[in-house]
Amino acid sequence: MNHNLMDSTINEAQCLMQALQSAGFAAYLVGGAVRDLLLGRVPKDFDIATAALPDQVIAVCRSRGWSIIDKLGKNFGVTAVIVKGVTLEVATFRRECYGEDAHRPEQVWYGTSLKEDLARRDFTINAMALSLQGDIIDPFGGQQDLARQLIRTVGNPKERFQEDALRMFRACRFAAQLGFIVDEAALVALSEFHTRVRGLALERVRDEISLTLIADQPDVGLGILVHAGLILEECRIKVQGVYHPVPLLSELGDLVDVPQNPAYHVHDVWRHTLAAVQAVPPKLVLRWAALLHDVAKGRQGVRGQNQAGQPTDHGHDRQGAVLAEKMLKRLDLPARFRTRVVWLVLNHMRFHMNFNSVLDGQGLTSLKHWVREEARSGLFRTAEEMHEAFDQLAVLCAADAKATGRQFGHEHEREKFLLILADILQSMPVHSRELRLVVDDIFQEETERRLIGPCLKGLLLRVQDGMLSNERQELTVAARKWLKKHKQL
């Protein structure tokens, strides 16, 4: 008995379970919510399993005035219910049979017991249930595996992964989210059956990889993805009714055991990459940028040697940006997201070089030139957006430096550089709309107003060049001089 666990669940789930039980149907909280409660975490989703058929669930809920969302359909026995503004999923006890599809069951039929329902689930830590009275139903040893911090399949891992190949990516994701190790038998099955993922939809796989990336310990999940061969595989996308293969991230496998100059790096390229991903905050754009920032290292045309015979990778930032764009595009990630990640990969070495030169007292002009170049690149719509990008770049490069395992500079030096950079960014508008000028004070006649665009464009360039400050009074004087000159032409 564990009444405290049920006391900690949300009232809406309890209300729904109570309503079903009052109508004569067994109902339990199941899956990830039970796992999270046992771990002392706040569940993100509350799923309920019940003996009630979908029509019976709907009847009970409507008698209480609760809304039904008919999106999931009855084919899988799942009903989405809104209780006091909270969406809950209620699934009828069921069993499944898998066929050729690598994810969806070929046949689903309603079961008669909770144990049957739990037996079809992926991992023991997700195959537990909690009654309204606080009793934990755990037929497969999920509590023991939680204590051991172990991800183990319900039954034979080869059968579980053959049934639903997405479970292989879920194993990696849970390892990253929980910091657990994957059971040895499951690891063997991952390596043996990874070709099964070729039947998975791109969207499903991409979502699991993204969830792995933003987890608390992404290095754990990513390490399994690579070493089990999953990331080297392909999935598929359906276009106009025809499936097309989509390679995943095989380029990452090329980084394993690739050596680096020991004067600057403790780890090989892959271990350095994992350390960098772990070191940035769990924001998807930062995690992707960290994952891909050194993806071109060790490649032909990039890998070389210095005079001491140590490896070098000059230009890996530029080639890495090309590879990053290619990889993210084939995963069908949004265009603006891709653009930002690619920009971060392209500029991470430039940041390091400017950091070093400014601290040496020689690179201030170069830094200003770089920021001005980015302001005019067309990549950013506003100065705020450009400032955000440079902030992200600073975070990425701090993680990159940390992941070398070497000590380069001190925190106060980094803070000094960031203050200098912030000051330059603050004075660098990206668009003429950001000029602190009231055009109506200057351009009043119809013939004058036709000149607003060319005037603002010229003023913007002068402010970016540092010839004018972005202040109303100075801009007003400059605009009036410009207007007087050009009205006569």
Protein backbone atom coordinates (compact mmCIF):
# COMPACT_ATOMS: atom_id res chain seq x y z
CA MET A 1 0.00 0.00 0.00
CA ASN A 2 1.17 3.48 -0.78
CA HIS A 3 -1.67 5.92 -0.19
CA ASN A 4 0.72 8.87 -0.34
CA LEU A 5 1.35 8.22 -4.02
CA MET A 6 -2.31 8.52 -4.94
CA ASP A 7 -2.62 11.58 -2.73
CA SER A 8 0.08 13.23 -4.85
CA THR A 9 -1.69 12.69 -8.19
CA ILE A 10 -3.80 15.42 -9.71
CA ASN A 11 -7.42 15.66 -8.59
CA GLU A 12 -8.71 15.34 -12.14
CA ALA A 13 -7.24 11.84 -12.61
CA GLN A 14 -8.68 10.76 -9.28
CA CYS A 15 -12.09 12.16 -10.22
CA LEU A 16 -12.11 10.22 -13.48
CA MET A 17 -10.99 6.97 -11.87
CA GLN A 18 -13.60 7.38 -9.14
CA ALA A 19 -16.33 7.96 -11.74
CA LEU A 20 -15.40 4.79 -13.61
CA GLN A 21 -15.22 2.74 -10.43
CA SER A 22 -18.60 4.06 -9.27
CA ALA A 23 -20.03 2.86 -12.58
CA GLY A 24 -18.66 -0.61 -11.89
CA PHE A 25 -15.48 -0.51 -13.99
CA ALA A 26 -11.96 -1.15 -12.70
CA ALA A 27 -9.66 1.81 -13.36
CA TYR A 28 -5.96 2.38 -12.69
CA LEU A 29 -3.33 5.01 -13.25
CA VAL A 30 -0.72 3.36 -15.50
CA GLY A 31 2.58 3.82 -17.27
CA GLY A 32 4.92 6.77 -17.01
CA ALA A 33 2.88 8.60 -14.38
CA VAL A 34 3.32 5.74 -11.92
CA ARG A 35 7.03 5.54 -12.69
CA ASP A 36 7.47 9.28 -12.14
CA LEU A 37 5.51 9.28 -8.90
CA LEU A 38 7.69 6.47 -7.54
CA LEU A 39 10.77 8.50 -8.52
CA GLY A 40 9.43 11.59 -6.77
CA ARG A 41 8.92 13.42 -10.07
CA VAL A 42 5.88 15.36 -11.24
CA PRO A 43 4.27 13.39 -14.08
CA LYS A 44 3.72 15.20 -17.36
CA ASP A 45 0.87 12.96 -18.46
CA PHE A 46 -1.72 10.91 -16.63
CA ASP A 47 -2.96 7.80 -18.46
CA ILE A 48 -5.74 5.63 -17.12
CA ALA A 49 -6.42 1.98 -18.01
CA THR A 50 -9.89 0.61 -17.44
CA ALA A 51 -12.10 -2.40 -18.01
CA ALA A 52 -14.72 -0.09 -19.54
CA LEU A 53 -15.14 -0.15 -23.31
CA PRO A 54 -14.78 3.19 -25.15
CA ASP A 55 -18.55 3.71 -25.46
CA GLN A 56 -18.90 3.02 -21.75
CA VAL A 57 -16.10 5.46 -20.92
CA ILE A 58 -17.81 8.12 -23.03
CA ALA A 59 -21.17 7.49 -21.35
CA VAL A 60 -19.67 7.79 -17.85
CA CYS A 61 -17.80 10.96 -18.73
CA ARG A 62 -20.75 12.66 -20.40
CA SER A 63 -22.92 11.87 -17.38
CA ARG A 64 -20.44 13.98 -15.40
CA GLY A 65 -20.47 16.79 -17.95
CA TRP A 66 -16.90 16.16 -19.13
CA SER A 67 -15.91 16.81 -22.74
CA ILE A 68 -14.67 14.09 -25.09
CA ILE A 69 -11.97 14.67 -27.73
CA ASP A 70 -12.61 12.30 -30.61
CA LYS A 71 -9.15 12.43 -32.18
CA LEU A 72 -7.61 9.15 -31.14
CA GLY A 73 -10.51 6.99 -32.35
CA LYS A 74 -11.84 3.73 -31.05
CA ASN A 75 -9.51 1.50 -33.06
CA PHE A 76 -6.98 1.56 -30.24
CA GLY A 77 -9.52 1.75 -27.44
CA VAL A 78 -8.33 5.18 -26.33
CA THR A 79 -10.58 8.04 -25.29
CA ALA A 80 -9.34 11.56 -24.54
CA VAL A 81 -11.35 13.27 -21.80
CA ILE A 82 -11.21 16.85 -20.52
CA VAL A 83 -11.81 16.98 -16.78
CA LYS A 84 -11.80 20.48 -15.28
CA GLY A 85 -9.60 21.75 -18.11
CA VAL A 86 -7.10 18.88 -17.91
CA THR A 87 -6.85 16.37 -20.79
CA LEU A 88 -6.57 12.74 -19.70
CA GLU A 89 -6.31 9.62 -21.84
CA VAL A 90 -8.38 6.60 -20.90
CA ALA A 91 -7.53 3.28 -22.57
CA THR A 92 -9.52 0.09 -22.40
CA PHE A 93 -7.52 -2.97 -21.27
CA ARG A 94 -6.16 -4.40 -24.52
CA ARG A 95 -3.81 -6.81 -26.22
CA GLU A 96 -1.90 -6.33 -29.46
CA CYS A 97 -0.54 -8.33 -32.36
CA TYR A 98 2.25 -6.96 -34.58
CA GLY A 99 2.93 -7.64 -38.26
CA GLU A 100 5.06 -5.99 -40.94
CA ASP A 101 4.70 -2.43 -39.64
CA ALA A 102 7.67 -1.49 -37.48
CA HIS A 103 5.59 0.52 -35.02
CA ARG A 104 1.83 0.12 -35.30
CA PRO A 105 0.17 -3.11 -34.16
CA GLU A 106 -1.54 -5.10 -36.90
CA GLN A 107 -4.43 -6.00 -34.63
CA VAL A 108 -5.74 -4.69 -31.33
CA TRP A 109 -8.41 -6.37 -29.27
CA TYR A 110 -9.82 -5.63 -25.86
CA GLY A 111 -8.46 -7.62 -22.96
CA THR A 112 -10.09 -8.68 -19.76
CA SER A 113 -7.44 -7.93 -17.15
CA LEU A 114 -4.99 -5.28 -16.06
CA LYS A 115 -2.10 -7.78 -16.21
CA GLU A 116 -2.81 -8.45 -19.89
CA ASP A 117 -2.68 -4.73 -20.53
CA LEU A 118 0.57 -4.24 -18.64
CA ALA A 119 2.17 -7.23 -20.39
CA ARG A 120 2.00 -5.49 -23.78
CA ARG A 121 4.08 -2.51 -22.61
CA ASP A 122 7.70 -1.82 -23.46
CA PHE A 123 9.73 -1.65 -20.24
CA THR A 124 9.13 -2.89 -16.73
CA ILE A 125 9.39 0.64 -15.29
CA ASN A 126 6.46 1.60 -17.54
CA ALA A 127 4.44 -1.54 -16.81
CA MET A 128 3.12 -0.65 -13.36
CA ALA A 129 -0.30 0.51 -12.23
CA LEU A 130 -1.65 2.45 -9.27
CA SER A 131 -5.12 1.94 -7.85
CA LEU A 132 -7.32 4.68 -6.45
CA GLN A 133 -6.63 3.23 -3.00
CA GLY A 134 -2.86 3.60 -3.47
CA ASP A 135 -1.97 -0.04 -4.23
CA ILE A 136 0.84 -0.60 -6.72
CA ILE A 137 0.37 -3.42 -9.20
CA ASP A 138 3.79 -4.49 -10.47
CA PRO A 139 3.77 -7.94 -12.11
CA PHE A 140 7.11 -7.54 -13.94
CA GLY A 141 9.44 -6.10 -11.30
CA GLY A 142 9.33 -2.45 -12.29
CA GLN A 143 9.92 -1.20 -8.74
CA GLN A 144 13.01 -3.38 -8.42
CA ASP A 145 14.33 -2.06 -11.73
CA LEU A 146 13.70 1.52 -10.61
CA ALA A 147 15.79 0.80 -7.52
CA ARG A 148 18.52 -0.73 -9.68
CA GLN A 149 18.25 2.15 -12.17
CA LEU A 150 17.79 -0.36 -14.95
CA ILE A 151 15.84 -0.22 -18.22
CA ARG A 152 14.63 -3.75 -18.93
CA THR A 153 11.98 -4.91 -21.36
CA VAL A 154 8.80 -6.68 -20.35
CA GLY A 155 9.73 -10.20 -21.39
CA ASN A 156 12.13 -11.07 -24.21
CA PRO A 157 13.80 -7.89 -25.55
CA LYS A 158 14.19 -9.40 -29.02
CA GLU A 159 10.45 -9.93 -29.23
CA ARG A 160 9.64 -6.48 -27.85
CA PHE A 161 11.93 -4.72 -30.34
CA GLN A 162 10.77 -6.88 -33.23
CA GLU A 163 7.18 -5.92 -32.41
CA ASP A 164 7.76 -2.17 -32.21
CA ALA A 165 11.12 -0.83 -33.37
CA LEU A 166 10.44 2.60 -31.87
CA ARG A 167 11.01 0.97 -28.48
CA MET A 168 14.72 0.89 -29.30
CA PHE A 169 14.81 4.68 -29.51
CA ARG A 170 12.62 4.91 -26.43
CA ALA A 171 15.17 2.85 -24.50
CA CYS A 172 17.83 5.42 -25.37
CA ARG A 173 15.51 8.27 -24.49
CA PHE A 174 14.62 6.85 -21.08
CA ALA A 175 18.30 6.20 -20.38
CA ALA A 176 18.97 9.89 -21.10
CA GLN A 177 15.99 11.17 -19.13
CA LEU A 178 16.53 8.99 -16.07
CA GLY A 179 20.27 8.37 -16.18
CA PHE A 180 19.59 4.62 -16.05
CA ILE A 181 21.60 1.87 -17.72
CA VAL A 182 20.03 -0.40 -20.32
CA ASP A 183 19.83 -4.09 -19.46
CA GLU A 184 22.59 -6.16 -21.10
CA ALA A 185 20.12 -8.40 -22.92
CA ALA A 186 18.34 -5.34 -24.27
CA LEU A 187 21.64 -3.86 -25.47
CA VAL A 188 22.39 -7.06 -27.37
CA ALA A 189 18.94 -6.96 -28.93
CA LEU A 190 19.40 -3.29 -29.90
CA SER A 191 22.52 -4.15 -31.86
CA GLU A 192 20.96 -7.25 -33.39
CA PHE A 193 17.66 -5.76 -34.55
CA HIS A 194 18.54 -2.16 -35.44
CA THR A 195 17.69 -2.76 -39.12
CA ARG A 196 14.06 -3.00 -38.01
CA VAL A 197 13.99 0.80 -37.63
CA ARG A 198 13.93 1.13 -41.42
CA GLY A 199 10.18 0.70 -41.22
CA LEU A 200 9.70 3.62 -38.81
CA ALA A 201 8.31 7.00 -39.78
CA LEU A 202 10.81 9.86 -39.79
CA GLU A 203 8.63 12.02 -37.56
CA ARG A 204 8.50 9.39 -34.81
CA VAL A 205 12.26 8.78 -34.82
CA ARG A 206 13.12 12.48 -34.99
CA ASP A 207 10.88 13.20 -32.00
CA GLU A 208 12.59 10.50 -29.93
CA ILE A 209 16.04 11.82 -30.84
CA SER A 210 14.97 15.35 -29.90
CA LEU A 211 13.61 14.14 -26.55
CA THR A 212 16.91 12.34 -25.96
CA LEU A 213 18.83 15.53 -26.76
CA ILE A 214 16.96 17.70 -24.25
CA ALA A 215 17.03 15.09 -21.48
CA ASP A 216 19.04 15.52 -18.27
CA GLN A 217 21.78 13.16 -19.44
CA PRO A 218 21.77 13.25 -23.25
CA ASP A 219 25.28 11.81 -23.44
CA VAL A 220 23.98 8.51 -22.02
CA GLY A 221 21.23 8.13 -24.62
CA LEU A 222 23.35 9.37 -27.52
CA GLY A 223 26.13 6.97 -26.62
CA ILE A 224 23.71 4.04 -26.89
CA LEU A 225 22.23 5.34 -30.15
CA VAL A 226 25.66 5.38 -31.77
CA HIS A 227 27.20 2.24 -30.32
CA ALA A 228 24.09 0.12 -30.93
CA GLY A 229 24.12 1.24 -34.56
CA LEU A 230 20.70 2.88 -34.42
CA ILE A 231 21.90 6.29 -35.55
CA LEU A 232 23.67 4.69 -38.51
CA GLU A 233 20.38 3.36 -39.84
CA GLU A 234 17.64 4.94 -41.92
CA CYS A 235 13.92 5.38 -41.41
CA ARG A 236 11.33 6.45 -43.98
CA ILE A 237 9.05 9.26 -45.05
CA LYS A 238 5.87 8.96 -47.09
CA VAL A 239 5.54 11.36 -50.02
CA GLN A 240 2.46 11.15 -52.25
CA GLY A 241 1.76 7.63 -51.07
CA VAL A 242 5.29 6.36 -51.68
CA TYR A 243 7.81 5.59 -48.92
CA HIS A 244 11.32 7.01 -49.28
CA PRO A 245 14.32 6.02 -47.12
CA VAL A 246 15.84 8.76 -44.96
CA PRO A 247 19.33 8.26 -43.48
CA LEU A 248 19.44 9.26 -39.83
CA LEU A 249 22.74 10.60 -38.46
CA SER A 250 25.39 8.20 -39.72
CA GLU A 251 27.92 11.05 -39.82
CA LEU A 252 28.07 10.91 -36.03
CA GLY A 253 29.37 7.36 -36.17
CA ASP A 254 32.39 8.65 -38.08
CA LEU A 255 33.47 10.65 -35.02
CA VAL A 256 34.00 7.65 -32.74
CA ASP A 257 37.66 7.06 -31.82
CA VAL A 258 38.84 9.95 -34.03
CA PRO A 259 41.88 11.36 -32.17
CA GLN A 260 42.54 15.04 -31.46
CA ASN A 261 45.61 17.05 -30.56
CA PRO A 262 46.28 16.15 -26.90
CA ALA A 263 47.59 19.65 -26.24
CA TYR A 264 44.03 20.92 -26.61
CA HIS A 265 41.79 17.88 -26.07
CA VAL A 266 41.61 15.06 -23.57
CA HIS A 267 38.96 13.14 -25.55
CA ASP A 268 38.46 11.85 -29.06
CA VAL A 269 35.99 13.76 -31.23
CA TRP A 270 32.92 11.72 -30.24
CA ARG A 271 33.54 11.83 -26.50
CA HIS A 272 34.26 15.54 -26.77
CA THR A 273 30.97 15.96 -28.64
CA LEU A 274 29.04 14.11 -25.94
CA ALA A 275 30.67 16.26 -23.25
CA ALA A 276 29.74 19.44 -25.14
CA VAL A 277 26.11 18.34 -25.54
CA GLN A 278 25.94 17.58 -21.83
CA ALA A 279 27.45 20.97 -20.96
CA VAL A 280 24.91 23.19 -22.76
CA PRO A 281 21.45 23.90 -21.27
CA PRO A 282 18.59 21.61 -22.39
CA LYS A 283 17.44 23.82 -25.25
CA LEU A 284 16.95 21.99 -28.52
CA VAL A 285 18.81 24.53 -30.68
CA LEU A 286 21.82 24.44 -28.34
CA ARG A 287 21.85 20.66 -28.02
CA TRP A 288 21.70 20.20 -31.80
CA ALA A 289 24.45 22.79 -32.29
CA ALA A 290 26.66 21.06 -29.70
CA LEU A 291 25.98 17.68 -31.31
CA LEU A 292 27.01 18.91 -34.76
CA HIS A 293 29.65 21.55 -34.00
CA ASP A 294 32.59 19.22 -34.74
CA VAL A 295 30.84 16.85 -37.14
CA ALA A 296 33.38 17.53 -39.92
CA LYS A 297 36.46 16.69 -37.85
CA GLY A 298 38.59 13.84 -39.12
CA ARG A 299 37.13 14.02 -42.64
CA GLN A 300 39.05 14.05 -45.89
CA GLY A 301 39.87 17.60 -46.83
CA VAL A 302 39.66 18.70 -43.19
CA ARG A 303 41.98 16.38 -41.25
CA GLY A 304 45.66 17.27 -41.42
CA GLN A 305 48.80 17.28 -39.31
CA ASN A 306 50.86 20.04 -37.76
CA GLN A 307 54.67 20.14 -37.71
CA ALA A 308 54.71 18.03 -34.55
CA GLY A 309 52.68 15.32 -36.26
CA GLN A 310 49.53 16.03 -34.21
CA PRO A 311 46.09 16.02 -35.89
CA THR A 312 44.50 19.28 -37.04
CA ASP A 313 41.07 20.07 -38.46
CA HIS A 314 41.34 23.51 -40.00
CA GLY A 315 38.08 24.51 -41.67
CA HIS A 316 35.97 21.98 -39.78
CA ASP A 317 33.58 24.79 -38.83
CA ARG A 318 32.82 25.64 -42.46
CA GLN A 319 32.55 22.06 -43.62
CA GLY A 320 30.61 21.22 -40.46
CA ALA A 321 28.03 23.89 -41.30
CA VAL A 322 27.52 22.31 -44.72
CA LEU A 323 27.06 18.86 -43.17
CA ALA A 324 24.77 20.22 -40.43
CA GLU A 325 22.46 21.81 -43.01
CA LYS A 326 22.35 18.55 -44.96
CA MET A 327 21.63 16.43 -41.87
CA LEU A 328 18.97 18.70 -40.40
CA LYS A 329 17.24 19.19 -43.73
CA ARG A 330 16.86 15.47 -44.36
CA LEU A 331 15.37 15.14 -40.86
CA ASP A 332 12.82 17.74 -42.01
CA LEU A 333 13.46 20.15 -39.16
CA PRO A 334 12.01 23.69 -39.58
CA ALA A 335 13.96 26.04 -41.84
CA ARG A 336 14.52 28.81 -39.28
CA PHE A 337 15.65 26.26 -36.71
CA ARG A 338 18.12 24.77 -39.21
CA THR A 339 19.44 28.20 -40.07
CA ARG A 340 20.21 29.02 -36.44
CA VAL A 341 21.92 25.69 -35.72
CA VAL A 342 24.00 25.97 -38.90
CA TRP A 343 24.97 29.55 -37.98
CA LEU A 344 26.15 28.37 -34.56
CA VAL A 345 28.22 25.56 -36.07
CA LEU A 346 29.71 27.90 -38.68
CA ASN A 347 30.69 30.59 -36.18
CA HIS A 348 31.91 28.65 -33.14
CA MET A 349 35.58 28.81 -34.14
CA ARG A 350 35.28 32.46 -35.09
CA PHE A 351 33.99 33.14 -31.58
CA HIS A 352 36.98 31.34 -30.04
CA MET A 353 39.44 33.24 -32.25
CA ASN A 354 37.88 36.63 -31.47
CA PHE A 355 37.82 35.78 -27.78
CA ASN A 356 41.54 35.05 -27.80
CA SER A 357 42.51 38.07 -29.89
CA VAL A 358 40.41 40.57 -27.91
CA LEU A 359 41.91 39.36 -24.66
CA ASP A 360 45.34 39.82 -26.21
CA GLY A 361 44.35 43.45 -26.84
CA GLN A 362 44.47 43.19 -30.62
CA GLY A 363 41.12 42.02 -31.91
CA LEU A 364 38.56 44.71 -31.12
CA THR A 365 38.40 45.96 -34.73
CA SER A 366 37.99 42.40 -36.00
CA LEU A 367 35.19 41.75 -33.51
CA LYS A 368 33.32 44.90 -34.58
CA HIS A 369 33.76 43.90 -38.21
CA TRP A 370 32.31 40.45 -37.51
CA VAL A 371 29.23 41.81 -35.73
CA ARG A 372 28.67 44.37 -38.51
CA GLU A 373 29.00 41.61 -41.10
CA GLU A 374 26.33 39.55 -39.33
CA ALA A 375 24.04 42.58 -39.00
CA ARG A 376 24.15 43.00 -42.79
CA SER A 377 23.93 39.29 -43.61
CA GLY A 378 20.15 39.20 -43.88
CA LEU A 379 19.96 36.27 -41.46
CA PHE A 380 18.49 38.37 -38.65
CA ARG A 381 15.29 40.37 -38.71
CA THR A 382 16.08 42.45 -35.63
CA ALA A 383 19.01 43.38 -33.43
CA GLU A 384 17.34 41.45 -30.62
CA GLU A 385 17.36 38.30 -32.73
CA MET A 386 21.04 38.77 -33.56
CA HIS A 387 21.82 39.39 -29.90
CA GLU A 388 20.04 36.15 -29.01
CA ALA A 389 22.12 34.25 -31.58
CA PHE A 390 25.38 35.61 -30.15
CA ASP A 391 24.21 34.74 -26.63
CA GLN A 392 23.58 31.17 -27.78
CA LEU A 393 26.97 31.10 -29.48
CA ALA A 394 28.65 32.21 -26.24
CA VAL A 395 26.94 29.37 -24.37
CA LEU A 396 27.92 26.83 -27.03
CA CYS A 397 31.55 27.95 -27.04
CA ALA A 398 31.79 27.86 -23.24
CA ALA A 399 30.56 24.26 -23.36
CA ASP A 400 32.97 23.49 -26.21
CA ALA A 401 35.90 24.81 -24.16
CA LYS A 402 34.78 22.90 -21.07
CA ALA A 403 34.44 19.69 -23.08
CA THR A 404 38.11 19.80 -24.12
CA GLY A 405 39.06 18.74 -20.61
CA ARG A 406 41.75 21.42 -20.68
CA GLN A 407 41.83 24.75 -18.88
CA PHE A 408 41.71 27.71 -21.25
CA GLY A 409 41.34 31.15 -19.67
CA HIS A 410 39.34 32.08 -16.60
CA GLU A 411 35.73 33.01 -15.96
CA HIS A 412 36.52 36.68 -15.40
CA GLU A 413 38.20 36.82 -18.83
CA ARG A 414 35.10 35.35 -20.44
CA GLU A 415 32.87 37.83 -18.63
CA LYS A 416 35.10 40.69 -19.81
CA PHE A 417 34.85 39.53 -23.43
CA LEU A 418 31.07 39.10 -23.22
CA LEU A 419 30.69 42.64 -21.87
CA ILE A 420 32.70 43.99 -24.82
CA LEU A 421 30.63 41.92 -27.24
CA ALA A 422 27.35 43.02 -25.64
CA ASP A 423 28.37 46.67 -25.94
CA ILE A 424 29.06 46.25 -29.66
CA LEU A 425 25.78 44.41 -30.19
CA GLN A 426 23.88 47.08 -28.29
CA SER A 427 25.06 49.76 -30.72
CA MET A 428 24.51 47.68 -33.88
CA PRO A 429 21.02 47.97 -35.41
CA VAL A 430 20.03 45.37 -37.97
CA HIS A 431 17.08 47.10 -39.63
CA SER A 432 16.33 50.75 -40.36
CA ARG A 433 13.22 50.41 -38.17
CA GLU A 434 15.61 50.25 -35.22
CA LEU A 435 17.06 53.70 -35.89
CA ARG A 436 16.02 56.15 -33.19
CA LEU A 437 14.69 58.69 -35.65
CA VAL A 438 11.22 60.22 -36.06
CA VAL A 439 10.91 60.52 -39.83
CA ASP A 440 7.80 62.73 -39.66
CA ASP A 441 9.92 65.43 -38.05
CA ILE A 442 12.06 65.60 -41.19
CA PHE A 443 10.21 64.27 -44.23
CA GLN A 444 7.00 66.30 -44.50
CA GLU A 445 6.38 67.13 -48.15
CA GLU A 446 5.28 64.42 -50.58
CA THR A 447 8.47 64.80 -52.61
CA GLU A 448 10.51 64.39 -49.43
CA ARG A 449 8.71 61.29 -48.23
CA ARG A 450 9.76 59.44 -51.36
CA LEU A 451 13.32 59.75 -50.12
CA ILE A 452 12.72 58.14 -46.70
CA GLY A 453 13.88 54.68 -47.78
CA PRO A 454 17.22 55.69 -49.35
CA CYS A 455 17.96 58.06 -46.47
CA LEU A 456 17.32 55.45 -43.76
CA LYS A 457 19.39 52.89 -45.66
CA GLY A 458 22.33 55.27 -45.73
CA LEU A 459 21.94 56.22 -42.08
CA LEU A 460 21.77 52.54 -41.09
CA LEU A 461 25.06 51.81 -42.86
CA ARG A 462 26.75 54.78 -41.17
CA VAL A 463 25.51 53.72 -37.73
CA GLN A 464 26.71 50.17 -38.36
CA ASP A 465 30.08 51.53 -39.47
CA GLY A 466 30.35 53.53 -36.25
CA MET A 467 30.28 56.88 -38.08
CA LEU A 468 27.02 57.87 -36.34
CA SER A 469 25.54 56.95 -32.99
CA ASN A 470 22.02 55.62 -32.91
CA GLU A 471 20.68 58.68 -31.07
CA ARG A 472 17.73 60.78 -32.12
CA GLN A 473 19.45 64.16 -32.11
CA GLU A 474 22.51 63.04 -34.09
CA LEU A 475 20.41 61.08 -36.56
CA THR A 476 18.05 64.03 -37.04
CA VAL A 477 20.93 66.35 -37.93
CA ALA A 478 22.40 63.78 -40.31
CA ALA A 479 19.02 63.10 -41.95
CA ARG A 480 18.38 66.79 -42.54
CA LYS A 481 21.80 67.23 -44.15
CA TRP A 482 21.14 64.19 -46.34
CA LEU A 483 17.71 65.49 -47.34
CA LYS A 484 19.00 68.94 -48.17
CA LYS A 485 21.65 67.46 -50.43
CA HIS A 486 19.41 65.00 -52.23
CA LYS A 487 16.39 67.31 -52.74
CA GLN A 488 18.57 69.35 -55.06
CA LEU A 489 19.52 66.38 -57.23
